[in-house]
Amino acid sequence: MKIAIGSDHAGFDYKENIKALLNELGHQVRDFGTFSSEPVDYPLFIRPVAEAVERAEFDRGIVLGGSGNGEAIVANKVRGIRCALCWNLNTARWAREHNDANVLALGQRTISPELALEIVKVWLSTPFAGGRHLNRVRQIERSD
């Protein structure tokens, strides 16, 4: 799978760990930055991830920050993006099963590094359930 990833300074450490995991799992990864823990404005790094997913250059995207809230908001401003902020394994599973989330947002200041990696694994391996959820996703797309 081709995965775009980006963070601000507050998500930088987890981004680096997640990139390593993605490479170990055999995914192709492009890092949109930031490339250090120096303070930056997160929209500059998150919007390009979402836009690359929207253009189908990448299958999915992962965005990180302190809480993940701002990152999810920015990503969801891009037409066609369904970004889910996840904080446990169930929210990651449901984001894929029920919402066909194509971008995952995580908060480095809100979850442990081990949990972040487990969330990524669940989110990547969970398929969209379709069925009754498909109509809802289509309604989301119409509201873009």
C-alpha atoms as a PDB file:
ATOM      1  CA  MET A   1       0.000   0.000   0.000  1.00  0.00           C
ATOM      2  CA  LYS A   2       1.177   3.541  -0.738  1.00  0.00           C
ATOM      3  CA  ILE A   3       0.884   5.727   2.359  1.00  0.00           C
ATOM      4  CA  ALA A   4       1.398   9.470   2.753  1.00  0.00           C
ATOM      5  CA  ILE A   5       2.385  10.662   6.229  1.00  0.00           C
ATOM      6  CA  GLY A   6       2.824  14.074   7.788  1.00  0.00           C
ATOM      7  CA  SER A   7       2.985  15.756  11.161  1.00  0.00           C
ATOM      8  CA  ASP A   8       3.712  18.932  12.993  1.00  0.00           C
ATOM      9  CA  HIS A   9       6.446  19.198  15.626  1.00  0.00           C
ATOM     10  CA  ALA A  10       4.204  17.716  18.330  1.00  0.00           C
ATOM     11  CA  GLY A  11       3.687  14.522  16.314  1.00  0.00           C
ATOM     12  CA  PHE A  12       7.190  14.235  14.890  1.00  0.00           C
ATOM     13  CA  ASP A  13       8.482  11.432  17.151  1.00  0.00           C
ATOM     14  CA  TYR A  14       5.476   9.184  16.534  1.00  0.00           C
ATOM     15  CA  LYS A  15       5.674   9.901  12.808  1.00  0.00           C
ATOM     16  CA  GLU A  16       9.213   8.603  12.737  1.00  0.00           C
ATOM     17  CA  ASN A  17       8.184   5.431  14.625  1.00  0.00           C
ATOM     18  CA  ILE A  18       5.195   4.863  12.364  1.00  0.00           C
ATOM     19  CA  LYS A  19       7.324   5.312   9.237  1.00  0.00           C
ATOM     20  CA  ALA A  20       9.648   2.590  10.503  1.00  0.00           C
ATOM     21  CA  LEU A  21       6.691   0.281  11.152  1.00  0.00           C
ATOM     22  CA  LEU A  22       5.209   0.948   7.721  1.00  0.00           C
ATOM     23  CA  ASN A  23       8.521   0.174   6.052  1.00  0.00           C
ATOM     24  CA  GLU A  24       8.829  -3.055   8.074  1.00  0.00           C
ATOM     25  CA  LEU A  25       5.350  -4.056   6.923  1.00  0.00           C
ATOM     26  CA  GLY A  26       6.374  -3.504   3.299  1.00  0.00           C
ATOM     27  CA  HIS A  27       4.389  -0.357   2.542  1.00  0.00           C
ATOM     28  CA  GLN A  28       5.640   2.470   0.336  1.00  0.00           C
ATOM     29  CA  VAL A  29       5.811   5.647   2.411  1.00  0.00           C
ATOM     30  CA  ARG A  30       6.263   9.296   1.531  1.00  0.00           C
ATOM     31  CA  ASP A  31       6.983  11.705   4.358  1.00  0.00           C
ATOM     32  CA  PHE A  32       5.501  15.155   3.770  1.00  0.00           C
ATOM     33  CA  GLY A  33       7.238  16.555   6.873  1.00  0.00           C
ATOM     34  CA  THR A  34       7.865  18.170   9.206  1.00  0.00           C
ATOM     35  CA  PHE A  35      11.383  16.860   9.568  1.00  0.00           C
ATOM     36  CA  SER A  36      12.226  17.943  13.131  1.00  0.00           C
ATOM     37  CA  SER A  37      10.635  18.819  16.442  1.00  0.00           C
ATOM     38  CA  GLU A  38      11.071  22.561  15.800  1.00  0.00           C
ATOM     39  CA  PRO A  39       7.700  24.374  16.053  1.00  0.00           C
ATOM     40  CA  VAL A  40       5.775  24.644  12.768  1.00  0.00           C
ATOM     41  CA  ASP A  41       2.239  25.358  11.590  1.00  0.00           C
ATOM     42  CA  TYR A  42       0.572  21.989  11.052  1.00  0.00           C
ATOM     43  CA  PRO A  43      -1.651  22.915   8.058  1.00  0.00           C
ATOM     44  CA  LEU A  44       1.498  23.310   5.941  1.00  0.00           C
ATOM     45  CA  PHE A  45       2.263  19.594   6.362  1.00  0.00           C
ATOM     46  CA  ILE A  46      -1.183  18.059   6.778  1.00  0.00           C
ATOM     47  CA  ARG A  47      -3.001  19.545   3.774  1.00  0.00           C
ATOM     48  CA  PRO A  48      -0.443  18.135   1.271  1.00  0.00           C
ATOM     49  CA  VAL A  49      -0.952  14.639   2.721  1.00  0.00           C
ATOM     50  CA  ALA A  50      -4.725  14.903   2.342  1.00  0.00           C
ATOM     51  CA  GLU A  51      -4.460  16.373  -1.154  1.00  0.00           C
ATOM     52  CA  ALA A  52      -2.149  13.561  -2.269  1.00  0.00           C
ATOM     53  CA  VAL A  53      -4.644  10.968  -1.013  1.00  0.00           C
ATOM     54  CA  GLU A  54      -7.493  12.849  -2.698  1.00  0.00           C
ATOM     55  CA  ARG A  55      -5.591  12.772  -6.017  1.00  0.00           C
ATOM     56  CA  ALA A  56      -5.165   8.979  -5.567  1.00  0.00           C
ATOM     57  CA  GLU A  57      -1.381   9.281  -5.537  1.00  0.00           C
ATOM     58  CA  PHE A  58      -1.548   7.384  -2.237  1.00  0.00           C
ATOM     59  CA  ASP A  59      -3.967   4.760  -0.965  1.00  0.00           C
ATOM     60  CA  ARG A  60      -4.144   6.233   2.523  1.00  0.00           C
ATOM     61  CA  GLY A  61      -2.684   8.961   4.710  1.00  0.00           C
ATOM     62  CA  ILE A  62      -1.630   9.291   8.331  1.00  0.00           C
ATOM     63  CA  VAL A  63      -1.408  12.683  10.047  1.00  0.00           C
ATOM     64  CA  LEU A  64      -0.090  13.428  13.514  1.00  0.00           C
ATOM     65  CA  GLY A  65       0.051  16.253  15.995  1.00  0.00           C
ATOM     66  CA  GLY A  66      -0.227  16.860  19.712  1.00  0.00           C
ATOM     67  CA  SER A  67      -3.892  15.925  19.955  1.00  0.00           C
ATOM     68  CA  GLY A  68      -4.604  15.057  16.330  1.00  0.00           C
ATOM     69  CA  ASN A  69      -7.690  17.286  16.384  1.00  0.00           C
ATOM     70  CA  GLY A  70      -6.333  20.123  14.264  1.00  0.00           C
ATOM     71  CA  GLU A  71      -4.781  17.659  11.870  1.00  0.00           C
ATOM     72  CA  ALA A  72      -8.114  15.877  11.378  1.00  0.00           C
ATOM     73  CA  ILE A  73      -9.866  19.205  10.809  1.00  0.00           C
ATOM     74  CA  VAL A  74      -7.356  20.265   8.148  1.00  0.00           C
ATOM     75  CA  ALA A  75      -7.450  16.901   6.375  1.00  0.00           C
ATOM     76  CA  ASN A  76     -11.253  16.871   6.334  1.00  0.00           C
ATOM     77  CA  LYS A  77     -11.301  20.244   4.562  1.00  0.00           C
ATOM     78  CA  VAL A  78     -10.038  18.433   1.452  1.00  0.00           C
ATOM     79  CA  ARG A  79     -12.829  17.096  -0.762  1.00  0.00           C
ATOM     80  CA  GLY A  80     -13.006  13.293  -0.718  1.00  0.00           C
ATOM     81  CA  ILE A  81     -11.101  12.864   2.528  1.00  0.00           C
ATOM     82  CA  ARG A  82     -12.599  10.977   5.435  1.00  0.00           C
ATOM     83  CA  CYS A  83     -10.095  11.518   8.222  1.00  0.00           C
ATOM     84  CA  ALA A  84     -10.749   9.839  11.561  1.00  0.00           C
ATOM     85  CA  LEU A  85      -9.109  10.799  14.842  1.00  0.00           C
ATOM     86  CA  CYS A  86      -8.498   7.499  16.629  1.00  0.00           C
ATOM     87  CA  TRP A  87      -7.455   6.918  20.229  1.00  0.00           C
ATOM     88  CA  ASN A  88      -7.973   3.175  20.702  1.00  0.00           C
ATOM     89  CA  LEU A  89      -8.240  -0.010  18.673  1.00  0.00           C
ATOM     90  CA  ASN A  90     -12.026   0.134  18.411  1.00  0.00           C
ATOM     91  CA  THR A  91     -12.094   3.659  16.979  1.00  0.00           C
ATOM     92  CA  ALA A  92      -9.463   2.594  14.427  1.00  0.00           C
ATOM     93  CA  ARG A  93     -11.443  -0.511  13.447  1.00  0.00           C
ATOM     94  CA  TRP A  94     -14.754   1.359  13.191  1.00  0.00           C
ATOM     95  CA  ALA A  95     -13.175   4.207  11.228  1.00  0.00           C
ATOM     96  CA  ARG A  96     -12.346   1.708   8.502  1.00  0.00           C
ATOM     97  CA  GLU A  97     -15.323  -0.670   8.806  1.00  0.00           C
ATOM     98  CA  HIS A  98     -18.034   1.971   9.069  1.00  0.00           C
ATOM     99  CA  ASN A  99     -16.573   5.119   7.489  1.00  0.00           C
ATOM    100  CA  ASP A 100     -13.995   3.844   4.992  1.00  0.00           C
ATOM    101  CA  ALA A 101     -11.595   6.385   6.511  1.00  0.00           C
ATOM    102  CA  ASN A 102      -8.782   7.097   4.086  1.00  0.00           C
ATOM    103  CA  VAL A 103      -6.759   9.248   6.496  1.00  0.00           C
ATOM    104  CA  LEU A 104      -5.916   8.465  10.116  1.00  0.00           C
ATOM    105  CA  ALA A 105      -5.195  11.208  12.663  1.00  0.00           C
ATOM    106  CA  LEU A 106      -3.281  10.467  15.870  1.00  0.00           C
ATOM    107  CA  GLY A 107      -2.289  12.592  18.846  1.00  0.00           C
ATOM    108  CA  GLN A 108       1.196  12.059  20.264  1.00  0.00           C
ATOM    109  CA  ARG A 109       0.232  13.745  23.535  1.00  0.00           C
ATOM    110  CA  THR A 110      -2.860  11.600  24.032  1.00  0.00           C
ATOM    111  CA  ILE A 111      -1.808   7.963  23.511  1.00  0.00           C
ATOM    112  CA  SER A 112       1.246   5.830  24.210  1.00  0.00           C
ATOM    113  CA  PRO A 113       3.741   5.094  21.440  1.00  0.00           C
ATOM    114  CA  GLU A 114       2.904   1.390  21.619  1.00  0.00           C
ATOM    115  CA  LEU A 115      -0.808   2.069  21.258  1.00  0.00           C
ATOM    116  CA  ALA A 116      -0.176   4.384  18.298  1.00  0.00           C
ATOM    117  CA  LEU A 117       1.582   1.564  16.445  1.00  0.00           C
ATOM    118  CA  GLU A 118      -1.193  -0.905  17.261  1.00  0.00           C
ATOM    119  CA  ILE A 119      -3.827   1.573  16.055  1.00  0.00           C
ATOM    120  CA  VAL A 120      -1.960   1.944  12.766  1.00  0.00           C
ATOM    121  CA  LYS A 121      -1.820  -1.839  12.311  1.00  0.00           C
ATOM    122  CA  VAL A 122      -5.547  -2.256  12.975  1.00  0.00           C
ATOM    123  CA  TRP A 123      -6.463   0.688  10.754  1.00  0.00           C
ATOM    124  CA  LEU A 124      -4.367  -0.620   7.874  1.00  0.00           C
ATOM    125  CA  SER A 125      -5.627  -4.194   8.097  1.00  0.00           C
ATOM    126  CA  THR A 126      -9.339  -3.505   8.560  1.00  0.00           C
ATOM    127  CA  PRO A 127     -11.440  -3.519   5.386  1.00  0.00           C
ATOM    128  CA  PHE A 128     -14.471  -1.352   4.749  1.00  0.00           C
ATOM    129  CA  ALA A 129     -17.576  -3.375   5.631  1.00  0.00           C
ATOM    130  CA  GLY A 130     -19.737  -1.870   2.890  1.00  0.00           C
ATOM    131  CA  GLY A 131     -23.367  -2.918   3.215  1.00  0.00           C
ATOM    132  CA  ARG A 132     -25.446  -0.422   5.179  1.00  0.00           C
ATOM    133  CA  HIS A 133     -22.347   1.733   5.638  1.00  0.00           C
ATOM    134  CA  LEU A 134     -21.865   2.256   1.894  1.00  0.00           C
ATOM    135  CA  ASN A 135     -24.968   4.434   1.589  1.00  0.00           C
ATOM    136  CA  ARG A 136     -23.740   6.596   4.472  1.00  0.00           C
ATOM    137  CA  VAL A 137     -20.309   7.056   2.924  1.00  0.00           C
ATOM    138  CA  ARG A 138     -21.988   8.048  -0.351  1.00  0.00           C
ATOM    139  CA  GLN A 139     -24.026  10.631   1.552  1.00  0.00           C
ATOM    140  CA  ILE A 140     -20.802  12.048   3.009  1.00  0.00           C
ATOM    141  CA  GLU A 141     -19.329  12.266  -0.489  1.00  0.00           C
ATOM    142  CA  ARG A 142     -22.395  14.142  -1.769  1.00  0.00           C
ATOM    143  CA  SER A 143     -21.981  16.700   1.010  1.00  0.00           C
ATOM    144  CA  ASP A 144     -18.401  17.535  -0.025  1.00  0.00           C
END
